[in-house]
Amino acid sequence: MNDQRPVLQIPEPGEIQMTVQGEEASVRLVRELVRYALINWSYGRVLVDDSAVVMSEIITNAVNAAKGHELSIRIAVHEGAPLLECWDPSPELPRACEAGLDALSGRGMAIIAAYAKDTGVRPSPTGQGKVVWALMPTNDPGPAEPSQHPTPP
């Protein structure tokens, strides 16, 4: 028997949730999950790539805030656009900061703001931690168009 079905079945556009550990290896896993979901939901290459960048920054901030704790990821479609969310148990809010040219970190929030249509932080419904979210643009230029986003500093 040669069963070639994929291991992970992505449902029609709607919602995917996943819990990961707050460790650096989770960043790549979540980034690839975003790519896989959005490709399966027929979004174009540019929006898929931009969404992967944004989710990488969101999850990296969560790992830094709550290393070793569980993090909850949600990828959804809101009014036709990808909505990317990450819950972590830390009460500390992410903040934009001025990173020097030689700084190895500190640009995450600026990158998220450059790519996303809207972004924010809300308290967790349980009262513990927070949810950082980004709503991506609905205008998907498709694979033939270059990204219109500025290069992050």
N, C-alpha and C. Protein backbone atom coordinates (compact mmCIF):
# COMPACT_ATOMS: atom_id res chain seq x y z
N MET A 1 0.84 -1.17 0.00
CA MET A 1 0.00 0.00 0.00
C MET A 1 0.88 1.24 0.00
N ASN A 2 0.61 2.15 -0.91
CA ASN A 2 1.41 3.36 -1.05
C ASN A 2 0.53 4.58 -0.76
N ASP A 3 0.35 4.89 0.50
CA ASP A 3 -0.51 6.00 0.90
C ASP A 3 0.32 7.28 0.96
N GLN A 4 0.06 8.22 0.06
CA GLN A 4 0.84 9.44 -0.05
C GLN A 4 0.15 10.66 0.57
N ARG A 5 -0.80 10.45 1.44
CA ARG A 5 -1.48 11.58 2.09
C ARG A 5 -0.51 12.30 3.02
N PRO A 6 -0.60 13.64 3.07
CA PRO A 6 0.28 14.36 3.99
C PRO A 6 -0.08 14.04 5.44
N VAL A 7 0.91 14.14 6.30
CA VAL A 7 0.71 13.87 7.71
C VAL A 7 -0.18 14.93 8.35
N LEU A 8 0.02 16.18 7.95
CA LEU A 8 -0.75 17.29 8.51
C LEU A 8 -1.79 17.73 7.51
N GLN A 9 -3.05 17.59 7.87
CA GLN A 9 -4.14 18.04 7.01
C GLN A 9 -4.55 19.44 7.44
N ILE A 10 -4.42 20.41 6.55
CA ILE A 10 -4.81 21.78 6.85
C ILE A 10 -6.25 21.96 6.40
N PRO A 11 -7.13 22.39 7.32
CA PRO A 11 -8.53 22.58 6.94
C PRO A 11 -8.68 23.77 6.00
N GLU A 12 -9.85 23.87 5.40
CA GLU A 12 -10.15 25.03 4.57
C GLU A 12 -9.90 26.29 5.39
N PRO A 13 -9.74 27.45 4.72
CA PRO A 13 -9.45 28.66 5.48
C PRO A 13 -10.39 28.82 6.67
N GLY A 14 -9.80 29.03 7.78
CA GLY A 14 -10.55 29.15 9.03
C GLY A 14 -9.61 29.40 10.16
N GLU A 15 -9.10 28.30 10.76
CA GLU A 15 -8.29 28.47 11.96
C GLU A 15 -7.46 27.23 12.24
N ILE A 16 -6.22 27.47 12.66
CA ILE A 16 -5.33 26.41 13.12
C ILE A 16 -4.76 26.87 14.45
N GLN A 17 -4.75 25.97 15.43
CA GLN A 17 -4.15 26.28 16.72
C GLN A 17 -3.10 25.24 17.04
N MET A 18 -2.05 25.67 17.73
CA MET A 18 -0.97 24.76 18.09
C MET A 18 -0.31 25.27 19.36
N THR A 19 0.12 24.36 20.20
CA THR A 19 0.89 24.70 21.39
C THR A 19 2.32 24.25 21.16
N VAL A 20 3.26 25.14 21.45
CA VAL A 20 4.69 24.84 21.29
C VAL A 20 5.42 25.23 22.56
N GLN A 21 6.62 24.73 22.70
CA GLN A 21 7.46 25.10 23.83
C GLN A 21 8.15 26.42 23.52
N GLY A 22 8.37 27.21 24.54
CA GLY A 22 9.07 28.48 24.38
C GLY A 22 10.56 28.28 24.25
N GLU A 23 10.95 27.80 23.08
CA GLU A 23 12.37 27.57 22.79
C GLU A 23 12.64 27.95 21.34
N GLU A 24 13.89 28.23 21.05
CA GLU A 24 14.26 28.74 19.73
C GLU A 24 13.85 27.82 18.58
N ALA A 25 13.87 26.52 18.79
CA ALA A 25 13.49 25.57 17.73
C ALA A 25 12.03 25.75 17.31
N SER A 26 11.21 26.28 18.20
CA SER A 26 9.79 26.48 17.89
C SER A 26 9.58 27.57 16.85
N VAL A 27 10.51 28.51 16.74
CA VAL A 27 10.36 29.60 15.79
C VAL A 27 10.26 29.05 14.37
N ARG A 28 11.15 28.17 14.01
CA ARG A 28 11.13 27.59 12.65
C ARG A 28 9.87 26.76 12.44
N LEU A 29 9.50 25.97 13.41
CA LEU A 29 8.30 25.13 13.30
C LEU A 29 7.07 25.99 13.03
N VAL A 30 6.90 27.07 13.79
CA VAL A 30 5.73 27.93 13.64
C VAL A 30 5.78 28.66 12.30
N ARG A 31 6.95 29.14 11.92
CA ARG A 31 7.10 29.82 10.62
C ARG A 31 6.68 28.88 9.48
N GLU A 32 7.11 27.64 9.53
CA GLU A 32 6.76 26.68 8.48
C GLU A 32 5.28 26.31 8.52
N LEU A 33 4.68 26.28 9.70
CA LEU A 33 3.25 26.03 9.81
C LEU A 33 2.47 27.16 9.14
N VAL A 34 2.89 28.40 9.35
CA VAL A 34 2.25 29.54 8.69
C VAL A 34 2.35 29.39 7.17
N ARG A 35 3.53 29.09 6.68
CA ARG A 35 3.71 28.90 5.23
C ARG A 35 2.78 27.80 4.70
N TYR A 36 2.79 26.67 5.38
CA TYR A 36 2.00 25.53 4.92
C TYR A 36 0.51 25.85 4.91
N ALA A 37 0.04 26.49 5.98
CA ALA A 37 -1.39 26.84 6.07
C ALA A 37 -1.78 27.83 4.98
N LEU A 38 -1.02 28.90 4.84
CA LEU A 38 -1.40 29.95 3.88
C LEU A 38 -1.28 29.48 2.43
N ILE A 39 -0.31 28.65 2.14
CA ILE A 39 -0.21 28.08 0.79
C ILE A 39 -1.43 27.20 0.52
N ASN A 40 -1.80 26.38 1.51
CA ASN A 40 -2.98 25.52 1.34
C ASN A 40 -4.27 26.31 1.25
N TRP A 41 -4.28 27.52 1.80
CA TRP A 41 -5.44 28.38 1.73
C TRP A 41 -5.39 29.29 0.50
N SER A 42 -4.44 29.02 -0.40
CA SER A 42 -4.32 29.68 -1.71
C SER A 42 -3.90 31.15 -1.66
N TYR A 43 -3.18 31.55 -0.64
CA TYR A 43 -2.61 32.89 -0.63
C TYR A 43 -1.37 32.89 -1.52
N GLY A 44 -1.05 34.04 -2.07
CA GLY A 44 0.10 34.19 -2.95
C GLY A 44 1.42 34.18 -2.20
N ARG A 45 2.49 33.98 -2.97
CA ARG A 45 3.83 33.85 -2.42
C ARG A 45 4.25 35.03 -1.56
N VAL A 46 3.98 36.24 -2.01
CA VAL A 46 4.41 37.43 -1.27
C VAL A 46 3.75 37.48 0.10
N LEU A 47 2.44 37.28 0.15
CA LEU A 47 1.74 37.33 1.42
C LEU A 47 2.17 36.17 2.33
N VAL A 48 2.41 35.01 1.76
CA VAL A 48 2.90 33.87 2.55
C VAL A 48 4.25 34.20 3.16
N ASP A 49 5.17 34.73 2.34
CA ASP A 49 6.51 35.07 2.84
C ASP A 49 6.44 36.16 3.91
N ASP A 50 5.66 37.20 3.65
CA ASP A 50 5.53 38.29 4.61
C ASP A 50 4.93 37.80 5.93
N SER A 51 3.94 36.93 5.84
CA SER A 51 3.30 36.39 7.04
C SER A 51 4.28 35.53 7.84
N ALA A 52 5.12 34.78 7.15
CA ALA A 52 6.12 33.96 7.83
C ALA A 52 7.12 34.84 8.58
N VAL A 53 7.51 35.95 7.99
CA VAL A 53 8.42 36.89 8.65
C VAL A 53 7.76 37.45 9.92
N VAL A 54 6.53 37.89 9.78
CA VAL A 54 5.81 38.48 10.92
C VAL A 54 5.65 37.47 12.04
N MET A 55 5.23 36.25 11.72
CA MET A 55 5.05 35.24 12.76
C MET A 55 6.38 34.87 13.40
N SER A 56 7.46 34.87 12.62
CA SER A 56 8.78 34.60 13.20
C SER A 56 9.13 35.62 14.27
N GLU A 57 8.82 36.88 13.99
CA GLU A 57 9.11 37.93 14.96
C GLU A 57 8.21 37.82 16.19
N ILE A 58 6.94 37.53 15.97
CA ILE A 58 6.01 37.39 17.09
C ILE A 58 6.44 36.24 18.00
N ILE A 59 6.75 35.09 17.42
CA ILE A 59 7.11 33.93 18.23
C ILE A 59 8.48 34.11 18.88
N THR A 60 9.40 34.78 18.21
CA THR A 60 10.71 35.06 18.81
C THR A 60 10.55 35.93 20.05
N ASN A 61 9.70 36.95 19.97
CA ASN A 61 9.44 37.79 21.14
C ASN A 61 8.83 36.97 22.27
N ALA A 62 7.91 36.06 21.93
CA ALA A 62 7.27 35.22 22.95
C ALA A 62 8.28 34.28 23.60
N VAL A 63 9.16 33.70 22.80
CA VAL A 63 10.20 32.81 23.35
C VAL A 63 11.09 33.60 24.29
N ASN A 64 11.46 34.81 23.91
CA ASN A 64 12.32 35.64 24.78
C ASN A 64 11.59 36.02 26.07
N ALA A 65 10.29 36.24 26.00
CA ALA A 65 9.52 36.65 27.18
C ALA A 65 9.19 35.48 28.10
N ALA A 66 9.06 34.28 27.53
CA ALA A 66 8.58 33.13 28.33
C ALA A 66 9.35 31.86 27.99
N LYS A 67 10.66 31.95 27.99
CA LYS A 67 11.51 30.80 27.65
C LYS A 67 11.15 29.60 28.52
N GLY A 68 10.96 28.46 27.86
CA GLY A 68 10.66 27.22 28.56
C GLY A 68 9.19 26.98 28.88
N HIS A 69 8.35 27.98 28.70
CA HIS A 69 6.92 27.83 28.96
C HIS A 69 6.19 27.46 27.67
N GLU A 70 4.98 26.97 27.81
CA GLU A 70 4.16 26.70 26.64
C GLU A 70 3.65 28.01 26.04
N LEU A 71 3.60 28.03 24.71
CA LEU A 71 3.08 29.16 23.94
C LEU A 71 1.96 28.64 23.06
N SER A 72 0.92 29.42 22.88
CA SER A 72 -0.19 29.01 22.02
C SER A 72 -0.20 29.86 20.76
N ILE A 73 -0.26 29.18 19.64
CA ILE A 73 -0.24 29.82 18.33
C ILE A 73 -1.61 29.67 17.70
N ARG A 74 -2.04 30.69 17.01
CA ARG A 74 -3.29 30.63 16.26
C ARG A 74 -3.08 31.32 14.92
N ILE A 75 -3.44 30.63 13.86
CA ILE A 75 -3.43 31.17 12.51
C ILE A 75 -4.87 31.10 12.03
N ALA A 76 -5.43 32.24 11.68
CA ALA A 76 -6.83 32.29 11.30
C ALA A 76 -7.00 33.19 10.09
N VAL A 77 -8.21 33.20 9.56
CA VAL A 77 -8.56 34.12 8.48
C VAL A 77 -9.62 35.06 9.02
N HIS A 78 -9.34 36.36 8.92
CA HIS A 78 -10.28 37.38 9.39
C HIS A 78 -10.57 38.32 8.23
N GLU A 79 -11.81 38.32 7.77
CA GLU A 79 -12.23 39.14 6.64
C GLU A 79 -11.30 38.97 5.44
N GLY A 80 -10.95 37.72 5.17
CA GLY A 80 -10.14 37.38 4.01
C GLY A 80 -8.65 37.51 4.19
N ALA A 81 -8.21 38.00 5.33
CA ALA A 81 -6.78 38.22 5.56
C ALA A 81 -6.25 37.30 6.66
N PRO A 82 -4.98 36.90 6.55
CA PRO A 82 -4.37 36.10 7.62
C PRO A 82 -4.28 36.89 8.92
N LEU A 83 -4.68 36.23 10.01
CA LEU A 83 -4.54 36.77 11.35
C LEU A 83 -3.60 35.85 12.09
N LEU A 84 -2.51 36.40 12.60
CA LEU A 84 -1.47 35.63 13.27
C LEU A 84 -1.45 36.01 14.74
N GLU A 85 -1.53 35.02 15.63
CA GLU A 85 -1.59 35.30 17.06
C GLU A 85 -0.66 34.37 17.84
N CYS A 86 -0.16 34.89 18.95
CA CYS A 86 0.65 34.07 19.86
C CYS A 86 0.36 34.50 21.29
N TRP A 87 -0.02 33.53 22.12
CA TRP A 87 -0.21 33.76 23.55
C TRP A 87 1.05 33.29 24.27
N ASP A 88 1.48 34.11 25.26
CA ASP A 88 2.53 33.65 26.17
C ASP A 88 2.14 34.06 27.58
N PRO A 89 2.68 33.39 28.60
CA PRO A 89 2.25 33.64 29.97
C PRO A 89 2.87 34.88 30.62
N SER A 90 3.80 35.54 29.95
CA SER A 90 4.46 36.69 30.54
C SER A 90 3.56 37.93 30.52
N PRO A 91 3.50 38.67 31.61
CA PRO A 91 2.71 39.90 31.61
C PRO A 91 3.45 41.06 30.92
N GLU A 92 4.75 40.89 30.66
CA GLU A 92 5.56 41.94 30.04
C GLU A 92 5.11 42.18 28.60
N LEU A 93 4.81 43.43 28.28
CA LEU A 93 4.36 43.78 26.93
C LEU A 93 5.55 43.98 26.01
N PRO A 94 5.43 43.54 24.75
CA PRO A 94 6.52 43.81 23.81
C PRO A 94 6.56 45.31 23.53
N ARG A 95 7.74 45.81 23.27
CA ARG A 95 7.85 47.23 22.99
C ARG A 95 8.84 47.47 21.87
N ALA A 96 8.55 48.49 21.10
CA ALA A 96 9.47 48.89 20.04
C ALA A 96 10.63 49.64 20.68
N CYS A 97 11.81 49.42 20.15
CA CYS A 97 12.96 50.14 20.67
C CYS A 97 13.86 50.52 19.51
N GLU A 98 14.71 51.47 19.77
CA GLU A 98 15.68 51.92 18.76
C GLU A 98 16.89 50.99 18.82
N ALA A 99 17.06 50.16 17.81
CA ALA A 99 18.20 49.26 17.77
C ALA A 99 19.31 49.91 16.95
N GLY A 100 20.50 49.88 17.47
CA GLY A 100 21.65 50.42 16.73
C GLY A 100 21.95 49.57 15.51
N LEU A 101 22.75 50.12 14.61
CA LEU A 101 23.07 49.41 13.37
C LEU A 101 23.75 48.08 13.61
N ASP A 102 24.50 47.96 14.69
CA ASP A 102 25.21 46.71 14.97
C ASP A 102 24.48 45.82 15.97
N ALA A 103 23.28 46.21 16.40
CA ALA A 103 22.52 45.42 17.36
C ALA A 103 22.04 44.11 16.73
N LEU A 104 22.08 43.05 17.52
CA LEU A 104 21.65 41.74 17.04
C LEU A 104 20.17 41.49 17.28
N SER A 105 19.52 42.35 18.04
CA SER A 105 18.10 42.20 18.32
C SER A 105 17.48 43.57 18.55
N GLY A 106 16.17 43.59 18.76
CA GLY A 106 15.49 44.83 19.07
C GLY A 106 14.69 45.43 17.94
N ARG A 107 14.59 44.72 16.82
CA ARG A 107 13.86 45.24 15.66
C ARG A 107 12.53 44.54 15.42
N GLY A 108 12.18 43.58 16.24
CA GLY A 108 11.00 42.75 16.01
C GLY A 108 9.71 43.52 15.83
N MET A 109 9.42 44.43 16.73
CA MET A 109 8.15 45.18 16.64
C MET A 109 8.13 46.08 15.41
N ALA A 110 9.27 46.65 15.04
CA ALA A 110 9.32 47.49 13.83
C ALA A 110 9.09 46.64 12.58
N ILE A 111 9.63 45.45 12.56
CA ILE A 111 9.42 44.55 11.42
C ILE A 111 7.95 44.16 11.32
N ILE A 112 7.35 43.80 12.45
CA ILE A 112 5.93 43.43 12.45
C ILE A 112 5.09 44.59 11.93
N ALA A 113 5.35 45.80 12.43
CA ALA A 113 4.58 46.97 12.00
C ALA A 113 4.77 47.28 10.52
N ALA A 114 5.96 47.01 9.99
CA ALA A 114 6.23 47.28 8.57
C ALA A 114 5.46 46.35 7.64
N TYR A 115 5.23 45.12 8.05
CA TYR A 115 4.59 44.15 7.19
C TYR A 115 3.09 44.01 7.43
N ALA A 116 2.65 44.18 8.66
CA ALA A 116 1.24 43.93 9.00
C ALA A 116 0.36 45.15 8.69
N LYS A 117 -0.90 44.86 8.41
CA LYS A 117 -1.89 45.92 8.23
C LYS A 117 -2.22 46.54 9.59
N ASP A 118 -2.31 45.69 10.61
CA ASP A 118 -2.63 46.14 11.96
C ASP A 118 -2.00 45.15 12.93
N THR A 119 -1.67 45.60 14.10
CA THR A 119 -1.06 44.74 15.10
C THR A 119 -1.43 45.24 16.49
N GLY A 120 -1.34 44.37 17.47
CA GLY A 120 -1.66 44.80 18.81
C GLY A 120 -1.39 43.72 19.84
N VAL A 121 -1.70 44.06 21.06
CA VAL A 121 -1.56 43.14 22.20
C VAL A 121 -2.84 43.25 23.00
N ARG A 122 -3.36 42.11 23.44
CA ARG A 122 -4.54 42.12 24.30
C ARG A 122 -4.30 41.16 25.46
N PRO A 123 -4.94 41.43 26.58
CA PRO A 123 -4.80 40.51 27.71
C PRO A 123 -5.40 39.15 27.35
N SER A 124 -4.87 38.12 27.94
CA SER A 124 -5.41 36.79 27.75
C SER A 124 -6.80 36.72 28.37
N PRO A 125 -7.71 35.96 27.76
CA PRO A 125 -9.04 35.80 28.36
C PRO A 125 -8.99 35.18 29.76
N THR A 126 -7.94 34.43 30.05
CA THR A 126 -7.81 33.80 31.37
C THR A 126 -7.23 34.76 32.41
N GLY A 127 -6.74 35.91 31.96
CA GLY A 127 -6.13 36.85 32.87
C GLY A 127 -4.64 36.62 33.08
N GLN A 128 -4.11 35.57 32.49
CA GLN A 128 -2.69 35.28 32.61
C GLN A 128 -2.03 35.49 31.26
N GLY A 129 -1.04 36.34 31.23
CA GLY A 129 -0.28 36.56 30.00
C GLY A 129 -1.00 37.48 29.03
N LYS A 130 -0.58 37.36 27.77
CA LYS A 130 -1.09 38.25 26.73
C LYS A 130 -1.11 37.54 25.39
N VAL A 131 -1.86 38.12 24.46
CA VAL A 131 -1.89 37.64 23.08
C VAL A 131 -1.35 38.78 22.21
N VAL A 132 -0.29 38.49 21.48
CA VAL A 132 0.24 39.43 20.49
C VAL A 132 -0.30 38.98 19.15
N TRP A 133 -0.83 39.92 18.37
CA TRP A 133 -1.48 39.56 17.11
C TRP A 133 -1.07 40.52 15.99
N ALA A 134 -1.19 40.01 14.77
CA ALA A 134 -0.95 40.83 13.58
C ALA A 134 -1.96 40.41 12.51
N LEU A 135 -2.61 41.39 11.94
CA LEU A 135 -3.51 41.17 10.82
C LEU A 135 -2.77 41.59 9.57
N MET A 136 -2.62 40.66 8.65
CA MET A 136 -1.88 40.93 7.43
C MET A 136 -2.77 41.66 6.42
N PRO A 137 -2.19 42.31 5.43
CA PRO A 137 -2.99 43.01 4.42
C PRO A 137 -3.86 42.04 3.64
N THR A 138 -5.02 42.51 3.19
CA THR A 138 -5.91 41.66 2.40
C THR A 138 -5.56 41.70 0.93
N ASN A 139 -4.85 42.73 0.50
CA ASN A 139 -4.48 42.81 -0.91
C ASN A 139 -3.24 41.95 -1.14
N ASP A 140 -3.45 40.82 -1.77
CA ASP A 140 -2.38 39.87 -2.03
C ASP A 140 -1.93 40.05 -3.47
N PRO A 141 -0.74 40.67 -3.69
CA PRO A 141 -0.32 40.94 -5.05
C PRO A 141 0.02 39.69 -5.86
N GLY A 142 0.13 38.53 -5.23
CA GLY A 142 0.41 37.31 -5.95
C GLY A 142 1.90 37.12 -6.21
N PRO A 143 2.25 35.96 -6.76
CA PRO A 143 3.65 35.61 -6.88
C PRO A 143 4.45 36.45 -7.88
N ALA A 144 3.81 37.11 -8.84
CA ALA A 144 4.56 37.85 -9.84
C ALA A 144 4.98 39.24 -9.37
N GLU A 145 4.36 39.74 -8.32
CA GLU A 145 4.63 41.10 -7.86
C GLU A 145 5.67 41.09 -6.75
N PRO A 146 6.60 42.04 -6.74
CA PRO A 146 7.54 42.15 -5.62
C PRO A 146 6.82 42.70 -4.39
N SER A 147 7.36 42.40 -3.23
CA SER A 147 6.78 42.92 -1.99
C SER A 147 6.87 44.43 -1.98
N GLN A 148 5.81 45.09 -1.53
CA GLN A 148 5.77 46.53 -1.45
C GLN A 148 6.19 47.04 -0.09
N HIS A 149 6.67 46.16 0.78
CA HIS A 149 7.01 46.54 2.13
C HIS A 149 8.41 47.13 2.17
N PRO A 150 8.62 48.12 2.99
CA PRO A 150 9.97 48.68 3.12
C PRO A 150 10.91 47.67 3.77
N THR A 151 12.17 47.80 3.46
CA THR A 151 13.17 46.96 4.08
C THR A 151 13.31 47.38 5.53
N PRO A 152 13.20 46.43 6.47
CA PRO A 152 13.30 46.79 7.89
C PRO A 152 14.66 47.41 8.18
N PRO A 153 14.73 48.32 9.17
CA PRO A 153 16.01 48.95 9.50
C PRO A 153 17.01 47.94 10.01
